[in-house]
Amino acid sequence: MKPLRLLPFLFFVAACTPIPDNISRVSPQGGTEIQILNGRNCLNNRCVHINMQSRIAAVNGRNSVRIPSDIDLSSGYVSVAEFNAIFAAGMRAVPRGAGTR
């Protein structure tokens, strides 16, 4: 019975674990760039699912949106401002299931 007493504590610890950020590097201009991969990409506990081939991004619980055309994904890295623009576009998407009953 003692292991069952620890179960709520373990759930609490797992829920408080921060989400790891994507790999970053310093650009030649001195700014920070975040590596973008197909799938989940996170920065400061904000995550976006990105499909680089079709240029689609989605935030959990929201529909997919097109990545803004002025953001270049060809190098596999984007600036912090570009990542924030992708996240903002994803947050402006309609929530999944909205308006359906």
C-alpha atoms as a PDB file:
ATOM      1  CA  MET A   1       0.000   0.000   0.000  1.00  0.00           C
ATOM      2  CA  LYS A   2       2.887   2.398   0.578  1.00  0.00           C
ATOM      3  CA  PRO A   3       3.782   2.641  -3.146  1.00  0.00           C
ATOM      4  CA  LEU A   4       0.222   3.807  -3.851  1.00  0.00           C
ATOM      5  CA  ARG A   5       0.680   6.690  -1.416  1.00  0.00           C
ATOM      6  CA  LEU A   6       3.521   8.010  -3.550  1.00  0.00           C
ATOM      7  CA  LEU A   7       1.483   7.963  -6.767  1.00  0.00           C
ATOM      8  CA  PRO A   8      -0.115  11.449  -6.359  1.00  0.00           C
ATOM      9  CA  PHE A   9       3.292  12.920  -5.564  1.00  0.00           C
ATOM     10  CA  LEU A  10       4.802  11.375  -8.703  1.00  0.00           C
ATOM     11  CA  PHE A  11       1.989  12.803 -10.846  1.00  0.00           C
ATOM     12  CA  PHE A  12       2.599  16.232  -9.332  1.00  0.00           C
ATOM     13  CA  VAL A  13       6.340  16.086 -10.035  1.00  0.00           C
ATOM     14  CA  ALA A  14       5.740  14.912 -13.615  1.00  0.00           C
ATOM     15  CA  ALA A  15       3.268  17.745 -14.235  1.00  0.00           C
ATOM     16  CA  CYS A  16       5.739  20.364 -13.010  1.00  0.00           C
ATOM     17  CA  THR A  17       8.609  19.223 -15.216  1.00  0.00           C
ATOM     18  CA  PRO A  18       9.404  21.954 -17.764  1.00  0.00           C
ATOM     19  CA  ILE A  19       9.208  21.150 -21.467  1.00  0.00           C
ATOM     20  CA  PRO A  20      12.692  21.093 -23.044  1.00  0.00           C
ATOM     21  CA  ASP A  21      13.426  23.831 -25.579  1.00  0.00           C
ATOM     22  CA  ASN A  22      14.638  23.122 -29.093  1.00  0.00           C
ATOM     23  CA  ILE A  23      18.341  23.370 -29.854  1.00  0.00           C
ATOM     24  CA  SER A  24      19.488  26.946 -30.454  1.00  0.00           C
ATOM     25  CA  ARG A  25      22.557  28.614 -31.890  1.00  0.00           C
ATOM     26  CA  VAL A  26      23.945  32.112 -32.295  1.00  0.00           C
ATOM     27  CA  SER A  27      23.463  33.584 -35.766  1.00  0.00           C
ATOM     28  CA  PRO A  28      26.265  35.436 -37.586  1.00  0.00           C
ATOM     29  CA  GLN A  29      24.456  38.691 -36.724  1.00  0.00           C
ATOM     30  CA  GLY A  30      24.603  37.796 -33.019  1.00  0.00           C
ATOM     31  CA  GLY A  31      20.951  36.840 -32.485  1.00  0.00           C
ATOM     32  CA  THR A  32      19.596  33.526 -31.233  1.00  0.00           C
ATOM     33  CA  GLU A  33      18.214  31.024 -33.741  1.00  0.00           C
ATOM     34  CA  ILE A  34      16.053  28.018 -32.879  1.00  0.00           C
ATOM     35  CA  GLN A  35      16.345  24.730 -34.760  1.00  0.00           C
ATOM     36  CA  ILE A  36      13.021  23.770 -36.370  1.00  0.00           C
ATOM     37  CA  LEU A  37      12.182  20.098 -36.883  1.00  0.00           C
ATOM     38  CA  ASN A  38       9.153  18.283 -38.242  1.00  0.00           C
ATOM     39  CA  GLY A  39       6.918  17.629 -35.259  1.00  0.00           C
ATOM     40  CA  ARG A  40       6.827  19.386 -31.902  1.00  0.00           C
ATOM     41  CA  ASN A  41       8.994  22.472 -31.465  1.00  0.00           C
ATOM     42  CA  CYS A  42       9.134  24.283 -28.111  1.00  0.00           C
ATOM     43  CA  LEU A  43      10.545  27.550 -26.804  1.00  0.00           C
ATOM     44  CA  ASN A  44       9.851  28.875 -23.287  1.00  0.00           C
ATOM     45  CA  ASN A  45       7.092  26.287 -22.675  1.00  0.00           C
ATOM     46  CA  ARG A  46       5.268  27.303 -25.866  1.00  0.00           C
ATOM     47  CA  CYS A  47       4.992  24.409 -28.300  1.00  0.00           C
ATOM     48  CA  VAL A  48       4.011  24.303 -31.969  1.00  0.00           C
ATOM     49  CA  HIS A  49       3.667  21.258 -34.221  1.00  0.00           C
ATOM     50  CA  ILE A  50       5.338  22.107 -37.536  1.00  0.00           C
ATOM     51  CA  ASN A  51       5.319  20.337 -40.889  1.00  0.00           C
ATOM     52  CA  MET A  52       8.148  21.928 -42.876  1.00  0.00           C
ATOM     53  CA  GLN A  53       7.283  20.361 -46.244  1.00  0.00           C
ATOM     54  CA  SER A  54       3.718  21.700 -46.329  1.00  0.00           C
ATOM     55  CA  ARG A  55       4.562  24.816 -44.228  1.00  0.00           C
ATOM     56  CA  ILE A  56       1.780  24.123 -41.731  1.00  0.00           C
ATOM     57  CA  ALA A  57       1.857  24.843 -37.992  1.00  0.00           C
ATOM     58  CA  ALA A  58      -0.590  23.904 -35.236  1.00  0.00           C
ATOM     59  CA  VAL A  59      -0.855  24.665 -31.537  1.00  0.00           C
ATOM     60  CA  ASN A  60      -2.453  21.960 -29.360  1.00  0.00           C
ATOM     61  CA  GLY A  61      -6.223  22.265 -29.387  1.00  0.00           C
ATOM     62  CA  ARG A  62      -6.325  24.498 -32.471  1.00  0.00           C
ATOM     63  CA  ASN A  63      -6.663  23.903 -36.199  1.00  0.00           C
ATOM     64  CA  SER A  64      -3.625  24.008 -38.486  1.00  0.00           C
ATOM     65  CA  VAL A  65      -2.570  27.250 -40.170  1.00  0.00           C
ATOM     66  CA  ARG A  66      -0.089  28.159 -42.884  1.00  0.00           C
ATOM     67  CA  ILE A  67       3.284  29.428 -41.704  1.00  0.00           C
ATOM     68  CA  PRO A  68       3.666  33.100 -42.717  1.00  0.00           C
ATOM     69  CA  SER A  69       5.287  33.353 -46.148  1.00  0.00           C
ATOM     70  CA  ASP A  70       7.988  35.794 -44.999  1.00  0.00           C
ATOM     71  CA  ILE A  71       9.529  33.147 -42.680  1.00  0.00           C
ATOM     72  CA  ASP A  72      12.307  31.129 -44.332  1.00  0.00           C
ATOM     73  CA  LEU A  73      12.505  27.523 -43.106  1.00  0.00           C
ATOM     74  CA  SER A  74      15.093  26.318 -45.634  1.00  0.00           C
ATOM     75  CA  SER A  75      18.062  26.542 -43.231  1.00  0.00           C
ATOM     76  CA  GLY A  76      16.236  24.615 -40.500  1.00  0.00           C
ATOM     77  CA  TYR A  77      16.643  27.537 -38.079  1.00  0.00           C
ATOM     78  CA  VAL A  78      14.442  30.549 -37.331  1.00  0.00           C
ATOM     79  CA  SER A  79      14.951  33.585 -35.124  1.00  0.00           C
ATOM     80  CA  VAL A  80      13.135  33.969 -31.833  1.00  0.00           C
ATOM     81  CA  ALA A  81      10.879  36.627 -33.413  1.00  0.00           C
ATOM     82  CA  GLU A  82      10.007  34.273 -36.295  1.00  0.00           C
ATOM     83  CA  PHE A  83       9.224  31.447 -33.850  1.00  0.00           C
ATOM     84  CA  ASN A  84       6.979  33.834 -31.919  1.00  0.00           C
ATOM     85  CA  ALA A  85       5.238  34.801 -35.201  1.00  0.00           C
ATOM     86  CA  ILE A  86       4.605  31.106 -35.999  1.00  0.00           C
ATOM     87  CA  PHE A  87       3.238  30.545 -32.481  1.00  0.00           C
ATOM     88  CA  ALA A  88       1.034  33.657 -32.715  1.00  0.00           C
ATOM     89  CA  ALA A  89      -0.372  32.489 -36.066  1.00  0.00           C
ATOM     90  CA  GLY A  90      -1.149  29.114 -34.503  1.00  0.00           C
ATOM     91  CA  MET A  91      -2.878  30.749 -31.535  1.00  0.00           C
ATOM     92  CA  ARG A  92      -5.083  32.829 -33.882  1.00  0.00           C
ATOM     93  CA  ALA A  93      -6.415  29.610 -35.450  1.00  0.00           C
ATOM     94  CA  VAL A  94      -9.931  28.476 -34.648  1.00  0.00           C
ATOM     95  CA  PRO A  95     -10.073  26.035 -31.705  1.00  0.00           C
ATOM     96  CA  ARG A  96     -10.796  22.435 -32.688  1.00  0.00           C
ATOM     97  CA  GLY A  97     -14.466  21.641 -32.401  1.00  0.00           C
ATOM     98  CA  ALA A  98     -15.534  25.282 -32.160  1.00  0.00           C
ATOM     99  CA  GLY A  99     -18.982  25.848 -33.586  1.00  0.00           C
ATOM    100  CA  THR A 100     -19.783  22.142 -33.973  1.00  0.00           C
ATOM    101  CA  ARG A 101     -22.495  20.558 -31.869  1.00  0.00           C
END
